[in-house]
Amino acid sequence: MYEYNCEVIIDNEPETIKTFAFSIIEAIDNLVSMEAVEDIVHLTRVDTNDNFPFMGDFRLLREMRGKIDNEQLIYETLLNGSQENSTNNKPH
């Protein structure tokens, strides 16, 4: 699992928060699921210092995420379909 520093917008102000995820896609999903987050600016994976600017439509992602009822399906899709390094990222 990786640590990400995330520059986000909360209460119309830039804030830096952390999230932990097995991939950048899961990290973004974590942020979309946080009610306080209004938008994402960029994410940085702490161990590699890789920077990921967010260019997506945050509101659309949140709307689509809200329409998914099966959390297990989301978890399986994130686990199987978005691993950055499949040898090190499996949950224990």
C-alpha atoms as a PDB file:
ATOM      1  CA  MET A   1       0.000   0.000   0.000  1.00  0.00           C
ATOM      2  CA  TYR A   2       1.271   3.465  -0.851  1.00  0.00           C
ATOM      3  CA  GLU A   3       0.954   6.812   0.886  1.00  0.00           C
ATOM      4  CA  TYR A   4      -0.239   9.785  -1.181  1.00  0.00           C
ATOM      5  CA  ASN A   5      -0.120  13.466  -0.302  1.00  0.00           C
ATOM      6  CA  CYS A   6      -3.138  15.030  -1.933  1.00  0.00           C
ATOM      7  CA  GLU A   7      -3.742  18.682  -2.667  1.00  0.00           C
ATOM      8  CA  VAL A   8      -7.505  19.083  -2.613  1.00  0.00           C
ATOM      9  CA  ILE A   9     -10.108  21.803  -2.209  1.00  0.00           C
ATOM     10  CA  ILE A  10     -12.082  21.792   1.060  1.00  0.00           C
ATOM     11  CA  ASP A  11     -14.397  24.690   1.965  1.00  0.00           C
ATOM     12  CA  ASN A  12     -13.172  26.511  -1.165  1.00  0.00           C
ATOM     13  CA  GLU A  13      -9.594  26.480   0.180  1.00  0.00           C
ATOM     14  CA  PRO A  14      -6.581  24.386  -0.876  1.00  0.00           C
ATOM     15  CA  GLU A  15      -5.651  21.765   1.709  1.00  0.00           C
ATOM     16  CA  THR A  16      -3.144  18.924   1.785  1.00  0.00           C
ATOM     17  CA  ILE A  17      -4.379  15.594   3.111  1.00  0.00           C
ATOM     18  CA  LYS A  18      -3.078  12.027   3.040  1.00  0.00           C
ATOM     19  CA  THR A  19      -4.645   8.869   1.738  1.00  0.00           C
ATOM     20  CA  PHE A  20      -3.355   5.323   1.476  1.00  0.00           C
ATOM     21  CA  ALA A  21      -4.037   3.137  -1.556  1.00  0.00           C
ATOM     22  CA  PHE A  22      -2.673   0.361  -3.736  1.00  0.00           C
ATOM     23  CA  SER A  23      -2.796   2.588  -6.864  1.00  0.00           C
ATOM     24  CA  ILE A  24      -3.378   6.152  -8.006  1.00  0.00           C
ATOM     25  CA  ILE A  25      -6.851   5.130  -9.169  1.00  0.00           C
ATOM     26  CA  GLU A  26      -7.752   3.864  -5.711  1.00  0.00           C
ATOM     27  CA  ALA A  27      -6.309   7.045  -4.165  1.00  0.00           C
ATOM     28  CA  ILE A  28      -8.573   9.155  -6.391  1.00  0.00           C
ATOM     29  CA  ASP A  29     -11.544   6.947  -5.483  1.00  0.00           C
ATOM     30  CA  ASN A  30     -10.748   7.505  -1.801  1.00  0.00           C
ATOM     31  CA  LEU A  31     -10.817  11.281  -2.317  1.00  0.00           C
ATOM     32  CA  VAL A  32     -14.032  11.158  -4.351  1.00  0.00           C
ATOM     33  CA  SER A  33     -15.615   9.255  -1.451  1.00  0.00           C
ATOM     34  CA  MET A  34     -14.667  11.914   1.119  1.00  0.00           C
ATOM     35  CA  GLU A  35     -17.633  14.269   1.505  1.00  0.00           C
ATOM     36  CA  ALA A  36     -15.502  17.235   2.564  1.00  0.00           C
ATOM     37  CA  VAL A  37     -13.384  17.143  -0.594  1.00  0.00           C
ATOM     38  CA  GLU A  38     -14.761  19.488  -3.263  1.00  0.00           C
ATOM     39  CA  ASP A  39     -12.081  18.972  -5.919  1.00  0.00           C
ATOM     40  CA  ILE A  40      -8.662  17.413  -6.463  1.00  0.00           C
ATOM     41  CA  VAL A  41      -5.649  19.440  -7.635  1.00  0.00           C
ATOM     42  CA  HIS A  42      -2.908  16.803  -7.625  1.00  0.00           C
ATOM     43  CA  LEU A  43      -1.592  13.766  -5.799  1.00  0.00           C
ATOM     44  CA  THR A  44       1.987  12.824  -4.960  1.00  0.00           C
ATOM     45  CA  ARG A  45       3.060   9.275  -4.169  1.00  0.00           C
ATOM     46  CA  VAL A  46       5.338   9.723  -1.159  1.00  0.00           C
ATOM     47  CA  ASP A  47       7.857   6.895  -1.720  1.00  0.00           C
ATOM     48  CA  THR A  48       8.641   7.822  -5.346  1.00  0.00           C
ATOM     49  CA  ASN A  49       7.704  11.517  -5.273  1.00  0.00           C
ATOM     50  CA  ASP A  50       5.720  10.909  -8.495  1.00  0.00           C
ATOM     51  CA  ASN A  51       3.278  13.761  -9.089  1.00  0.00           C
ATOM     52  CA  PHE A  52      -0.151  13.117 -10.611  1.00  0.00           C
ATOM     53  CA  PRO A  53      -2.030  16.278 -11.640  1.00  0.00           C
ATOM     54  CA  PHE A  54      -5.780  15.669 -11.594  1.00  0.00           C
ATOM     55  CA  MET A  55      -7.359  16.565 -14.933  1.00  0.00           C
ATOM     56  CA  GLY A  56     -10.683  14.772 -14.505  1.00  0.00           C
ATOM     57  CA  ASP A  57     -14.206  15.960 -13.801  1.00  0.00           C
ATOM     58  CA  PHE A  58     -14.473  15.570 -10.028  1.00  0.00           C
ATOM     59  CA  ARG A  59     -18.219  16.231  -9.862  1.00  0.00           C
ATOM     60  CA  LEU A  60     -18.935  13.668 -12.560  1.00  0.00           C
ATOM     61  CA  LEU A  61     -16.792  11.056 -10.801  1.00  0.00           C
ATOM     62  CA  ARG A  62     -18.593  11.696  -7.532  1.00  0.00           C
ATOM     63  CA  GLU A  63     -21.988  11.465  -9.245  1.00  0.00           C
ATOM     64  CA  MET A  64     -21.068   8.180 -10.947  1.00  0.00           C
ATOM     65  CA  ARG A  65     -19.530   6.803  -7.725  1.00  0.00           C
ATOM     66  CA  GLY A  66     -22.766   7.572  -5.904  1.00  0.00           C
ATOM     67  CA  LYS A  67     -24.739   5.418  -8.331  1.00  0.00           C
ATOM     68  CA  ILE A  68     -22.761   2.253  -7.550  1.00  0.00           C
ATOM     69  CA  ASP A  69     -24.464   0.159  -4.889  1.00  0.00           C
ATOM     70  CA  ASN A  70     -22.045  -2.770  -4.736  1.00  0.00           C
ATOM     71  CA  GLU A  71     -18.966  -1.742  -2.699  1.00  0.00           C
ATOM     72  CA  GLN A  72     -17.453  -5.227  -3.122  1.00  0.00           C
ATOM     73  CA  LEU A  73     -17.516  -4.784  -6.909  1.00  0.00           C
ATOM     74  CA  ILE A  74     -15.686  -1.470  -6.541  1.00  0.00           C
ATOM     75  CA  TYR A  75     -13.084  -3.038  -4.274  1.00  0.00           C
ATOM     76  CA  GLU A  76     -12.485  -5.977  -6.629  1.00  0.00           C
ATOM     77  CA  THR A  77     -12.239  -3.712  -9.663  1.00  0.00           C
ATOM     78  CA  LEU A  78      -9.762  -1.417  -7.943  1.00  0.00           C
ATOM     79  CA  LEU A  79      -7.718  -4.344  -6.666  1.00  0.00           C
ATOM     80  CA  ASN A  80      -7.609  -6.297  -9.929  1.00  0.00           C
ATOM     81  CA  GLY A  81      -7.712  -3.564 -12.509  1.00  0.00           C
ATOM     82  CA  SER A  82      -5.523  -0.760 -11.259  1.00  0.00           C
ATOM     83  CA  GLN A  83      -2.423  -2.104  -9.574  1.00  0.00           C
ATOM     84  CA  GLU A  84       0.697  -0.092 -10.255  1.00  0.00           C
ATOM     85  CA  ASN A  85       3.021  -2.946  -9.341  1.00  0.00           C
ATOM     86  CA  SER A  86       1.227  -6.264  -9.137  1.00  0.00           C
ATOM     87  CA  THR A  87       3.980  -8.015  -7.173  1.00  0.00           C
ATOM     88  CA  ASN A  88       3.917  -5.646  -4.179  1.00  0.00           C
ATOM     89  CA  ASN A  89       0.383  -4.334  -3.900  1.00  0.00           C
ATOM     90  CA  LYS A  90      -1.786  -7.237  -2.820  1.00  0.00           C
ATOM     91  CA  PRO A  91      -3.426  -6.711   0.561  1.00  0.00           C
ATOM     92  CA  HIS A  92      -2.243  -9.126   3.233  1.00  0.00           C
END
